[in-house]
Each structure stands twice: as structure tokens, then as C-alpha cells.
């Protein structure tokens, strides 16, 4: 990928690879790799409200997700500890301090 320093003008464009010398003159140029057309178009309200646009989650949503995960892990750990404690009591194993 290549990030242009400015917007691409409307119209047809060809992409190619070029080798330049010290003065900036093109010494070798590849065959065209791609052709694309840049067309200006009006932006509608629907462009901003499309469900297929990948909108990053808000930081609060990330914190909530991690919090719920941590609470879930703690609950599973507590249930496992209680289950092992009940099994030890049923078997009559003496408690070690």
C-alpha cells in the first residue's frame, strides 16, 4: 500500500512501479499493475449509519467486557474451590492448616 500526501484527483489512474536515478528521473517503469477510477460523489446520511461499517468499540465497552470476563473467571474459580471443599469433607479427609 502507498499513502499519498494529498487526495487523488477525479478520473482514471494507472498504478505502476518505477525506478529513479539520483536526479529523480524515471529510469525503469513496470507494466501497469492496476487501473482505477476515482469519482467524486455526494455523501448521504445513510453512509454514516450503515451497519456494515466497522466502528471501533468505545473504551467503556472494552472495560465492561473485561470486567464481565474477570467476574466470570472469579465465579468459576469460586465454584471449583467450593466443589473441591465439599468433596474433601465428604471423604472425611482431615483439614490441613
PDB file of N, CA and C in Angstrom:
ATOM      1  N   UNK A   1       0.839  -1.177   0.000  1.00  0.00           N
ATOM      2  CA  UNK A   1       0.000   0.000   0.000  1.00  0.00           C
ATOM      3  C   UNK A   1       0.882   1.237   0.000  1.00  0.00           C
ATOM      4  N   UNK A   2       0.318   2.318  -0.437  1.00  0.00           N
ATOM      5  CA  UNK A   2       1.042   3.585  -0.502  1.00  0.00           C
ATOM      6  C   UNK A   2       0.091   4.684  -0.071  1.00  0.00           C
ATOM      7  N   UNK A   3       0.532   5.496   0.840  1.00  0.00           N
ATOM      8  CA  UNK A   3      -0.293   6.596   1.337  1.00  0.00           C
ATOM      9  C   UNK A   3       0.131   7.868   0.615  1.00  0.00           C
ATOM     10  N   UNK A   4      -0.770   8.429  -0.158  1.00  0.00           N
ATOM     11  CA  UNK A   4      -0.479   9.656  -0.897  1.00  0.00           C
ATOM     12  C   UNK A   4      -0.486  10.843   0.046  1.00  0.00           C
ATOM     13  N   UNK A   5       0.322  11.833  -0.277  1.00  0.00           N
ATOM     14  CA  UNK A   5       0.372  13.028   0.542  1.00  0.00           C
ATOM     15  C   UNK A   5      -0.853  13.908   0.370  1.00  0.00           C
ATOM     16  N   UNK A   6      -1.597  13.711  -0.732  1.00  0.00           N
ATOM     17  CA  UNK A   6      -2.799  14.502  -0.977  1.00  0.00           C
ATOM     18  C   UNK A   6      -3.864  13.599  -1.595  1.00  0.00           C
ATOM     19  N   UNK A   7      -5.076  14.137  -1.727  1.00  0.00           N
ATOM     20  CA  UNK A   7      -6.169  13.369  -2.301  1.00  0.00           C
ATOM     21  C   UNK A   7      -5.901  13.082  -3.778  1.00  0.00           C
ATOM     22  N   UNK A   8      -6.443  11.981  -4.266  1.00  0.00           N
ATOM     23  CA  UNK A   8      -6.327  11.622  -5.673  1.00  0.00           C
ATOM     24  C   UNK A   8      -7.397  12.388  -6.440  1.00  0.00           C
ATOM     25  N   UNK A   9      -6.984  12.990  -7.551  1.00  0.00           N
ATOM     26  CA  UNK A   9      -7.924  13.760  -8.368  1.00  0.00           C
ATOM     27  C   UNK A   9      -8.923  12.827  -9.030  1.00  0.00           C
ATOM     28  N   UNK A  10     -10.108  13.341  -9.347  1.00  0.00           N
ATOM     29  CA  UNK A  10     -11.115  12.541 -10.044  1.00  0.00           C
ATOM     30  C   UNK A  10     -10.591  12.124 -11.413  1.00  0.00           C
ATOM     31  N   UNK A  11     -10.990  10.935 -11.866  1.00  0.00           N
ATOM     32  CA  UNK A  11     -10.594  10.459 -13.188  1.00  0.00           C
ATOM     33  C   UNK A  11      -9.928   9.098 -13.114  1.00  0.00           C
ATOM     34  N   UNK A  12      -9.456   8.617 -14.273  1.00  0.00           N
ATOM     35  CA  UNK A  12      -8.812   7.303 -14.375  1.00  0.00           C
ATOM     36  C   UNK A  12      -7.338   7.428 -13.990  1.00  0.00           C
ATOM     37  N   UNK A  13      -6.842   6.439 -13.262  1.00  0.00           N
ATOM     38  CA  UNK A  13      -5.456   6.430 -12.798  1.00  0.00           C
ATOM     39  C   UNK A  13      -4.856   5.050 -13.027  1.00  0.00           C
ATOM     40  N   UNK A  14      -3.563   5.006 -13.342  1.00  0.00           N
ATOM     41  CA  UNK A  14      -2.830   3.759 -13.526  1.00  0.00           C
ATOM     42  C   UNK A  14      -1.767   3.660 -12.447  1.00  0.00           C
ATOM     43  N   UNK A  15      -1.589   2.460 -11.906  1.00  0.00           N
ATOM     44  CA  UNK A  15      -0.587   2.224 -10.879  1.00  0.00           C
ATOM     45  C   UNK A  15       0.548   1.427 -11.500  1.00  0.00           C
ATOM     46  N   UNK A  16       1.785   1.850 -11.250  1.00  0.00           N
ATOM     47  CA  UNK A  16       2.954   1.135 -11.739  1.00  0.00           C
ATOM     48  C   UNK A  16       4.109   1.364 -10.775  1.00  0.00           C
ATOM     49  N   UNK A  17       5.172   0.584 -10.940  1.00  0.00           N
ATOM     50  CA  UNK A  17       6.372   0.724 -10.122  1.00  0.00           C
ATOM     51  C   UNK A  17       7.440   1.360 -10.991  1.00  0.00           C
ATOM     52  N   UNK A  18       8.183   2.314 -10.424  1.00  0.00           N
ATOM     53  CA  UNK A  18       9.224   2.997 -11.188  1.00  0.00           C
ATOM     54  C   UNK A  18      10.515   3.054 -10.385  1.00  0.00           C
ATOM     55  N   UNK A  19      11.630   3.019 -11.116  1.00  0.00           N
ATOM     56  CA  UNK A  19      12.953   3.184 -10.522  1.00  0.00           C
ATOM     57  C   UNK A  19      13.478   4.528 -11.009  1.00  0.00           C
ATOM     58  N   UNK A  20      13.989   5.330 -10.082  1.00  0.00           N
ATOM     59  CA  UNK A  20      14.506   6.645 -10.451  1.00  0.00           C
ATOM     60  C   UNK A  20      15.998   6.726 -10.161  1.00  0.00           C
ATOM     61  N   UNK A  21      16.663   7.653 -10.848  1.00  0.00           N
ATOM     62  CA  UNK A  21      18.082   7.884 -10.565  1.00  0.00           C
ATOM     63  C   UNK A  21      18.199   8.969  -9.499  1.00  0.00           C
ATOM     64  N   UNK A  22      19.418   9.423  -9.249  1.00  0.00           N
ATOM     65  CA  UNK A  22      19.665  10.409  -8.196  1.00  0.00           C
ATOM     66  C   UNK A  22      18.965  11.742  -8.449  1.00  0.00           C
ATOM     67  N   UNK A  23      18.692  12.039  -9.721  1.00  0.00           N
ATOM     68  CA  UNK A  23      18.039  13.317 -10.046  1.00  0.00           C
ATOM     69  C   UNK A  23      16.516  13.239 -10.009  1.00  0.00           C
ATOM     70  N   UNK A  24      15.978  12.024  -9.817  1.00  0.00           N
ATOM     71  CA  UNK A  24      14.529  11.849  -9.790  1.00  0.00           C
ATOM     72  C   UNK A  24      13.941  11.453 -11.122  1.00  0.00           C
ATOM     73  N   UNK A  25      14.790  11.296 -12.144  1.00  0.00           N
ATOM     74  CA  UNK A  25      14.324  10.898 -13.467  1.00  0.00           C
ATOM     75  C   UNK A  25      14.011   9.399 -13.474  1.00  0.00           C
ATOM     76  N   UNK A  26      12.866   9.012 -14.052  1.00  0.00           N
ATOM     77  CA  UNK A  26      12.472   7.609 -14.118  1.00  0.00           C
ATOM     78  C   UNK A  26      13.374   6.880 -15.104  1.00  0.00           C
ATOM     79  N   UNK A  27      14.064   5.830 -14.625  1.00  0.00           N
ATOM     80  CA  UNK A  27      14.953   5.049 -15.488  1.00  0.00           C
ATOM     81  C   UNK A  27      14.309   3.752 -15.941  1.00  0.00           C
ATOM     82  N   UNK A  28      13.456   3.179 -15.123  1.00  0.00           N
ATOM     83  CA  UNK A  28      12.720   1.959 -15.489  1.00  0.00           C
ATOM     84  C   UNK A  28      11.311   2.067 -14.943  1.00  0.00           C
ATOM     85  N   UNK A  29      10.370   1.496 -15.677  1.00  0.00           N
ATOM     86  CA  UNK A  29       8.962   1.563 -15.269  1.00  0.00           C
ATOM     87  C   UNK A  29       8.323   0.216 -15.588  1.00  0.00           C
ATOM     88  N   UNK A  30       7.550  -0.325 -14.632  1.00  0.00           N
ATOM     89  CA  UNK A  30       6.885  -1.612 -14.832  1.00  0.00           C
ATOM     90  C   UNK A  30       5.668  -1.458 -15.747  1.00  0.00           C
ATOM     91  N   UNK A  31       5.145  -2.574 -16.173  1.00  0.00           N
ATOM     92  CA  UNK A  31       3.862  -2.571 -16.866  1.00  0.00           C
ATOM     93  C   UNK A  31       2.806  -2.112 -15.866  1.00  0.00           C
ATOM     94  N   UNK A  32       1.701  -1.535 -16.310  1.00  0.00           N
ATOM     95  CA  UNK A  32       0.645  -1.105 -15.371  1.00  0.00           C
ATOM     96  C   UNK A  32       0.162  -2.275 -14.520  1.00  0.00           C
ATOM     97  N   UNK A  33       0.107  -2.050 -13.219  1.00  0.00           N
ATOM     98  CA  UNK A  33      -0.344  -3.080 -12.285  1.00  0.00           C
ATOM     99  C   UNK A  33      -1.848  -3.016 -12.056  1.00  0.00           C
ATOM    100  N   UNK A  34      -2.405  -1.838 -12.109  1.00  0.00           N
ATOM    101  CA  UNK A  34      -3.836  -1.688 -11.846  1.00  0.00           C
ATOM    102  C   UNK A  34      -4.336  -0.398 -12.469  1.00  0.00           C
ATOM    103  N   UNK A  35      -5.608  -0.389 -12.749  1.00  0.00           N
ATOM    104  CA  UNK A  35      -6.278   0.809 -13.245  1.00  0.00           C
ATOM    105  C   UNK A  35      -7.470   1.051 -12.332  1.00  0.00           C
ATOM    106  N   UNK A  36      -7.587   2.253 -11.835  1.00  0.00           N
ATOM    107  CA  UNK A  36      -8.753   2.557 -11.008  1.00  0.00           C
ATOM    108  C   UNK A  36      -9.281   3.926 -11.377  1.00  0.00           C
ATOM    109  N   UNK A  37     -10.537   4.127 -11.054  1.00  0.00           N
ATOM    110  CA  UNK A  37     -11.191   5.397 -11.347  1.00  0.00           C
ATOM    111  C   UNK A  37     -11.634   6.007 -10.033  1.00  0.00           C
ATOM    112  N   UNK A  38     -11.211   7.230  -9.812  1.00  0.00           N
ATOM    113  CA  UNK A  38     -11.626   7.986  -8.634  1.00  0.00           C
ATOM    114  C   UNK A  38     -12.772   8.881  -9.064  1.00  0.00           C
ATOM    115  N   UNK A  39     -13.918   8.720  -8.420  1.00  0.00           N
ATOM    116  CA  UNK A  39     -15.085   9.518  -8.782  1.00  0.00           C
ATOM    117  C   UNK A  39     -15.621  10.225  -7.544  1.00  0.00           C
ATOM    118  N   UNK A  40     -15.846  11.506  -7.672  1.00  0.00           N
ATOM    119  CA  UNK A  40     -16.428  12.267  -6.577  1.00  0.00           C
ATOM    120  C   UNK A  40     -17.902  11.910  -6.467  1.00  0.00           C
ATOM    121  N   UNK A  41     -18.372  11.784  -5.237  1.00  0.00           N
ATOM    122  CA  UNK A  41     -19.787  11.502  -5.043  1.00  0.00           C
ATOM    123  C   UNK A  41     -20.243  12.146  -3.739  1.00  0.00           C
ATOM    124  N   UNK A  42     -21.495  12.466  -3.700  1.00  0.00           N
ATOM    125  CA  UNK A  42     -22.060  13.098  -2.516  1.00  0.00           C
ATOM    126  C   UNK A  42     -22.168  12.082  -1.388  1.00  0.00           C
ATOM    127  N   UNK A  43     -21.977  12.549  -0.189  1.00  0.00           N
ATOM    128  CA  UNK A  43     -22.114  11.707   0.995  1.00  0.00           C
ATOM    129  C   UNK A  43     -23.525  11.881   1.528  1.00  0.00           C
ATOM    130  N   UNK A  44     -24.165  10.762   1.808  1.00  0.00           N
ATOM    131  CA  UNK A  44     -25.526  10.807   2.353  1.00  0.00           C
ATOM    132  C   UNK A  44     -25.503  10.458   3.830  1.00  0.00           C
ATOM    133  N   UNK A  45     -26.590  10.722   4.483  1.00  0.00           N
ATOM    134  CA  UNK A  45     -26.709  10.375   5.903  1.00  0.00           C
ATOM    135  C   UNK A  45     -26.587   8.869   6.094  1.00  0.00           C
ATOM    136  N   UNK A  46     -27.101   8.107   5.131  1.00  0.00           N
ATOM    137  CA  UNK A  46     -27.034   6.648   5.213  1.00  0.00           C
ATOM    138  C   UNK A  46     -25.608   6.116   5.193  1.00  0.00           C
ATOM    139  N   UNK A  47     -24.669   6.846   4.575  1.00  0.00           N
ATOM    140  CA  UNK A  47     -23.271   6.410   4.564  1.00  0.00           C
ATOM    141  C   UNK A  47     -22.698   6.346   5.972  1.00  0.00           C
ATOM    142  N   UNK A  48     -23.176   7.207   6.851  1.00  0.00           N
ATOM    143  CA  UNK A  48     -22.676   7.219   8.219  1.00  0.00           C
ATOM    144  C   UNK A  48     -23.429   6.252   9.121  1.00  0.00           C
ATOM    145  N   UNK A  49     -24.591   5.809   8.715  1.00  0.00           N
ATOM    146  CA  UNK A  49     -25.421   4.953   9.565  1.00  0.00           C
ATOM    147  C   UNK A  49     -25.467   3.513   9.079  1.00  0.00           C
ATOM    148  N   UNK A  50     -24.611   3.139   8.140  1.00  0.00           N
ATOM    149  CA  UNK A  50     -24.613   1.772   7.613  1.00  0.00           C
ATOM    150  C   UNK A  50     -24.146   0.796   8.677  1.00  0.00           C
ATOM    151  N   UNK A  51     -24.838  -0.351   8.807  1.00  0.00           N
ATOM    152  CA  UNK A  51     -24.426  -1.333   9.818  1.00  0.00           C
ATOM    153  C   UNK A  51     -23.168  -2.090   9.427  1.00  0.00           C
ATOM    154  N   UNK A  52     -22.771  -2.065   8.153  1.00  0.00           N
ATOM    155  CA  UNK A  52     -21.588  -2.818   7.739  1.00  0.00           C
ATOM    156  C   UNK A  52     -20.285  -2.067   7.965  1.00  0.00           C
ATOM    157  N   UNK A  53     -20.350  -0.831   8.419  1.00  0.00           N
ATOM    158  CA  UNK A  53     -19.144  -0.058   8.680  1.00  0.00           C
ATOM    159  C   UNK A  53     -18.578  -0.507  10.018  1.00  0.00           C
ATOM    160  N   UNK A  54     -17.298  -0.808  10.024  1.00  0.00           N
ATOM    161  CA  UNK A  54     -16.635  -1.281  11.239  1.00  0.00           C
ATOM    162  C   UNK A  54     -16.307  -0.090  12.133  1.00  0.00           C
ATOM    163  N   UNK A  55     -17.124   0.114  13.141  1.00  0.00           N
ATOM    164  CA  UNK A  55     -16.931   1.211  14.072  1.00  0.00           C
ATOM    165  C   UNK A  55     -16.220   0.659  15.297  1.00  0.00           C
ATOM    166  N   UNK A  56     -15.091   1.242  15.692  1.00  0.00           N
ATOM    167  CA  UNK A  56     -14.381   0.728  16.858  1.00  0.00           C
ATOM    168  C   UNK A  56     -15.229   0.872  18.121  1.00  0.00           C
ATOM    169  N   UNK A  57     -15.094  -0.101  18.996  1.00  0.00           N
ATOM    170  CA  UNK A  57     -15.850  -0.081  20.248  1.00  0.00           C
ATOM    171  C   UNK A  57     -15.355   1.059  21.133  1.00  0.00           C
ATOM    172  N   UNK A  58     -16.266   1.626  21.865  1.00  0.00           N
ATOM    173  CA  UNK A  58     -15.903   2.684  22.797  1.00  0.00           C
ATOM    174  C   UNK A  58     -15.066   2.089  23.925  1.00  0.00           C
ATOM    175  N   UNK A  59     -14.159   2.853  24.499  1.00  0.00           N
ATOM    176  CA  UNK A  59     -13.338   2.327  25.597  1.00  0.00           C
ATOM    177  C   UNK A  59     -14.179   1.781  26.742  1.00  0.00           C
ATOM    178  N   UNK A  60     -15.323   2.401  27.022  1.00  0.00           N
ATOM    179  CA  UNK A  60     -16.183   1.919  28.105  1.00  0.00           C
ATOM    180  C   UNK A  60     -16.691   0.509  27.803  1.00  0.00           C
ATOM    181  N   UNK A  61     -16.986   0.214  26.546  1.00  0.00           N
ATOM    182  CA  UNK A  61     -17.448  -1.125  26.184  1.00  0.00           C
ATOM    183  C   UNK A  61     -16.337  -2.142  26.387  1.00  0.00           C
ATOM    184  N   UNK A  62     -15.086  -1.776  26.090  1.00  0.00           N
ATOM    185  CA  UNK A  62     -13.961  -2.678  26.326  1.00  0.00           C
ATOM    186  C   UNK A  62     -13.795  -2.972  27.806  1.00  0.00           C
ATOM    187  N   UNK A  63     -13.870  -1.942  28.633  1.00  0.00           N
ATOM    188  CA  UNK A  63     -13.732  -2.115  30.076  1.00  0.00           C
ATOM    189  C   UNK A  63     -14.844  -3.016  30.598  1.00  0.00           C
ATOM    190  N   UNK A  64     -16.062  -2.811  30.122  1.00  0.00           N
ATOM    191  CA  UNK A  64     -17.180  -3.629  30.575  1.00  0.00           C
ATOM    192  C   UNK A  64     -16.976  -5.088  30.179  1.00  0.00           C
ATOM    193  N   UNK A  65     -16.492  -5.334  28.959  1.00  0.00           N
ATOM    194  CA  UNK A  65     -16.268  -6.702  28.504  1.00  0.00           C
ATOM    195  C   UNK A  65     -15.205  -7.382  29.369  1.00  0.00           C
ATOM    196  N   UNK A  66     -14.102  -6.677  29.674  1.00  0.00           N
ATOM    197  CA  UNK A  66     -13.050  -7.264  30.501  1.00  0.00           C
ATOM    198  C   UNK A  66     -13.530  -7.479  31.931  1.00  0.00           C
ATOM    199  N   UNK A  67     -14.337  -6.560  32.425  1.00  0.00           N
ATOM    200  CA  UNK A  67     -14.884  -6.704  33.770  1.00  0.00           C
ATOM    201  C   UNK A  67     -15.770  -7.941  33.860  1.00  0.00           C
ATOM    202  N   UNK A  68     -16.649  -8.112  32.880  1.00  0.00           N
ATOM    203  CA  UNK A  68     -17.526  -9.284  32.890  1.00  0.00           C
ATOM    204  C   UNK A  68     -16.721 -10.571  32.752  1.00  0.00           C
ATOM    205  N   UNK A  69     -15.667 -10.562  31.965  1.00  0.00           N
ATOM    206  CA  UNK A  69     -14.804 -11.738  31.843  1.00  0.00           C
ATOM    207  C   UNK A  69     -14.123 -12.069  33.158  1.00  0.00           C
ATOM    208  N   UNK A  70     -13.629 -11.033  33.845  1.00  0.00           N
ATOM    209  CA  UNK A  70     -12.959 -11.247  35.132  1.00  0.00           C
ATOM    210  C   UNK A  70     -13.941 -11.781  36.168  1.00  0.00           C
ATOM    211  N   UNK A  71     -15.144 -11.240  36.194  1.00  0.00           N
ATOM    212  CA  UNK A  71     -16.163 -11.721  37.129  1.00  0.00           C
ATOM    213  C   UNK A  71     -16.504 -13.176  36.824  1.00  0.00           C
ATOM    214  N   UNK A  72     -16.616 -13.529  35.563  1.00  0.00           N
ATOM    215  CA  UNK A  72     -16.895 -14.912  35.180  1.00  0.00           C
ATOM    216  C   UNK A  72     -15.806 -15.859  35.631  1.00  0.00           C
ATOM    217  N   UNK A  73     -14.557 -15.467  35.441  1.00  0.00           N
ATOM    218  CA  UNK A  73     -13.430 -16.306  35.867  1.00  0.00           C
ATOM    219  C   UNK A  73     -13.435 -16.474  37.378  1.00  0.00           C
ATOM    220  N   UNK A  74     -13.695 -15.389  38.119  1.00  0.00           N
ATOM    221  CA  UNK A  74     -13.759 -15.489  39.582  1.00  0.00           C
ATOM    222  C   UNK A  74     -14.891 -16.406  40.030  1.00  0.00           C
ATOM    223  N   UNK A  75     -16.034 -16.348  39.369  1.00  0.00           N
ATOM    224  CA  UNK A  75     -17.155 -17.214  39.741  1.00  0.00           C
ATOM    225  C   UNK A  75     -16.823 -18.683  39.491  1.00  0.00           C
ATOM    226  N   UNK A  76     -16.217 -18.985  38.364  1.00  0.00           N
ATOM    227  CA  UNK A  76     -15.842 -20.367  38.058  1.00  0.00           C
ATOM    228  C   UNK A  76     -14.810 -20.860  39.065  1.00  0.00           C
ATOM    229  N   UNK A  77     -13.852 -20.011  39.427  1.00  0.00           N
ATOM    230  CA  UNK A  77     -12.840 -20.386  40.413  1.00  0.00           C
ATOM    231  C   UNK A  77     -13.477 -20.642  41.778  1.00  0.00           C
ATOM    232  N   UNK A  78     -14.403 -19.797  42.180  1.00  0.00           N
ATOM    233  CA  UNK A  78     -15.073 -19.980  43.471  1.00  0.00           C
ATOM    234  C   UNK A  78     -15.904 -21.263  43.477  1.00  0.00           C
ATOM    235  N   UNK A  79     -16.610 -21.531  42.378  1.00  0.00           N
ATOM    236  CA  UNK A  79     -17.391 -22.774  42.316  1.00  0.00           C
ATOM    237  C   UNK A  79     -16.492 -24.002  42.354  1.00  0.00           C
ATOM    238  N   UNK A  80     -15.363 -23.965  41.671  1.00  0.00           N
ATOM    239  CA  UNK A  80     -14.429 -25.090  41.688  1.00  0.00           C
ATOM    240  C   UNK A  80     -13.863 -25.289  43.088  1.00  0.00           C
ATOM    241  N   UNK A  81     -13.522 -24.220  43.790  1.00  0.00           N
ATOM    242  CA  UNK A  81     -12.998 -24.327  45.152  1.00  0.00           C
ATOM    243  C   UNK A  81     -14.052 -24.908  46.087  1.00  0.00           C
ATOM    244  N   UNK A  82     -15.283 -24.457  45.942  1.00  0.00           N
ATOM    245  CA  UNK A  82     -16.363 -24.996  46.782  1.00  0.00           C
ATOM    246  C   UNK A  82     -16.582 -26.483  46.495  1.00  0.00           C
ATOM    247  N   UNK A  83     -16.533 -26.867  45.242  1.00  0.00           N
ATOM    248  CA  UNK A  83     -16.728 -28.268  44.866  1.00  0.00           C
ATOM    249  C   UNK A  83     -15.622 -29.142  45.462  1.00  0.00           C
ATOM    250  N   UNK A  84     -14.357 -28.696  45.394  1.00  0.00           N
ATOM    251  CA  UNK A  84     -13.252 -29.460  45.985  1.00  0.00           C
ATOM    252  C   UNK A  84     -13.382 -29.534  47.503  1.00  0.00           C
ATOM    253  N   UNK A  85     -13.839 -28.460  48.108  1.00  0.00           N
ATOM    254  CA  UNK A  85     -14.020 -28.449  49.572  1.00  0.00           C
ATOM    255  C   UNK A  85     -15.110 -29.446  49.974  1.00  0.00           C
ATOM    256  N   UNK A  86     -16.217 -29.465  49.253  1.00  0.00           N
ATOM    257  CA  UNK A  86     -17.310 -30.402  49.553  1.00  0.00           C
ATOM    258  C   UNK A  86     -16.831 -31.840  49.373  1.00  0.00           C
ATOM    259  N   UNK A  87     -16.098 -32.128  48.321  1.00  0.00           N
ATOM    260  CA  UNK A  87     -15.565 -33.487  48.104  1.00  0.00           C
ATOM    261  C   UNK A  87     -14.635 -33.894  49.230  1.00  0.00           C
ATOM    262  N   UNK A  88     -13.784 -32.983  49.701  1.00  0.00           N
ATOM    263  CA  UNK A  88     -12.843 -33.297  50.786  1.00  0.00           C
ATOM    264  C   UNK A  88     -13.600 -33.584  52.078  1.00  0.00           C
ATOM    265  N   UNK A  89     -14.653 -32.805  52.359  1.00  0.00           N
ATOM    266  CA  UNK A  89     -15.442 -33.019  53.578  1.00  0.00           C
ATOM    267  C   UNK A  89     -16.165 -34.354  53.503  1.00  0.00           C
ATOM    268  N   UNK A  90     -16.753 -34.692  52.356  1.00  0.00           N
ATOM    269  CA  UNK A  90     -17.463 -35.965  52.200  1.00  0.00           C
ATOM    270  C   UNK A  90     -16.536 -37.160  52.379  1.00  0.00           C
ATOM    271  N   UNK A  91     -15.314 -37.045  51.945  1.00  0.00           N
ATOM    272  CA  UNK A  91     -14.373 -38.154  52.056  1.00  0.00           C
ATOM    273  C   UNK A  91     -13.789 -38.246  53.470  1.00  0.00           C
ATOM    274  N   UNK A  92     -13.993 -37.233  54.271  1.00  0.00           N
ATOM    275  CA  UNK A  92     -13.507 -37.252  55.648  1.00  0.00           C
ATOM    276  C   UNK A  92     -12.013 -36.977  55.752  1.00  0.00           C
ATOM    277  N   UNK A  93     -11.462 -36.366  54.733  1.00  0.00           N
ATOM    278  CA  UNK A  93     -10.037 -36.038  54.780  1.00  0.00           C
ATOM    279  C   UNK A  93      -9.815 -34.946  55.797  1.00  0.00           C
ATOM    280  N   UNK A  94      -8.839 -35.138  56.670  1.00  0.00           N
ATOM    281  CA  UNK A  94      -8.600 -34.095  57.667  1.00  0.00           C
ATOM    282  C   UNK A  94      -8.126 -32.799  57.009  1.00  0.00           C
ATOM    283  N   UNK A  95      -8.538 -31.737  57.619  1.00  0.00           N
ATOM    284  CA  UNK A  95      -8.187 -30.417  57.083  1.00  0.00           C
ATOM    285  C   UNK A  95      -6.759 -30.079  57.454  1.00  0.00           C
ATOM    286  N   UNK A  96      -5.997 -29.604  56.469  1.00  0.00           N
ATOM    287  CA  UNK A  96      -4.618 -29.214  56.725  1.00  0.00           C
ATOM    288  C   UNK A  96      -4.533 -27.707  56.886  1.00  0.00           C
ATOM    289  N   UNK A  97      -3.774 -27.257  57.851  1.00  0.00           N
ATOM    290  CA  UNK A  97      -3.624 -25.813  58.091  1.00  0.00           C
ATOM    291  C   UNK A  97      -2.256 -25.353  57.707  1.00  0.00           C
TER     292      UNK A  97
END
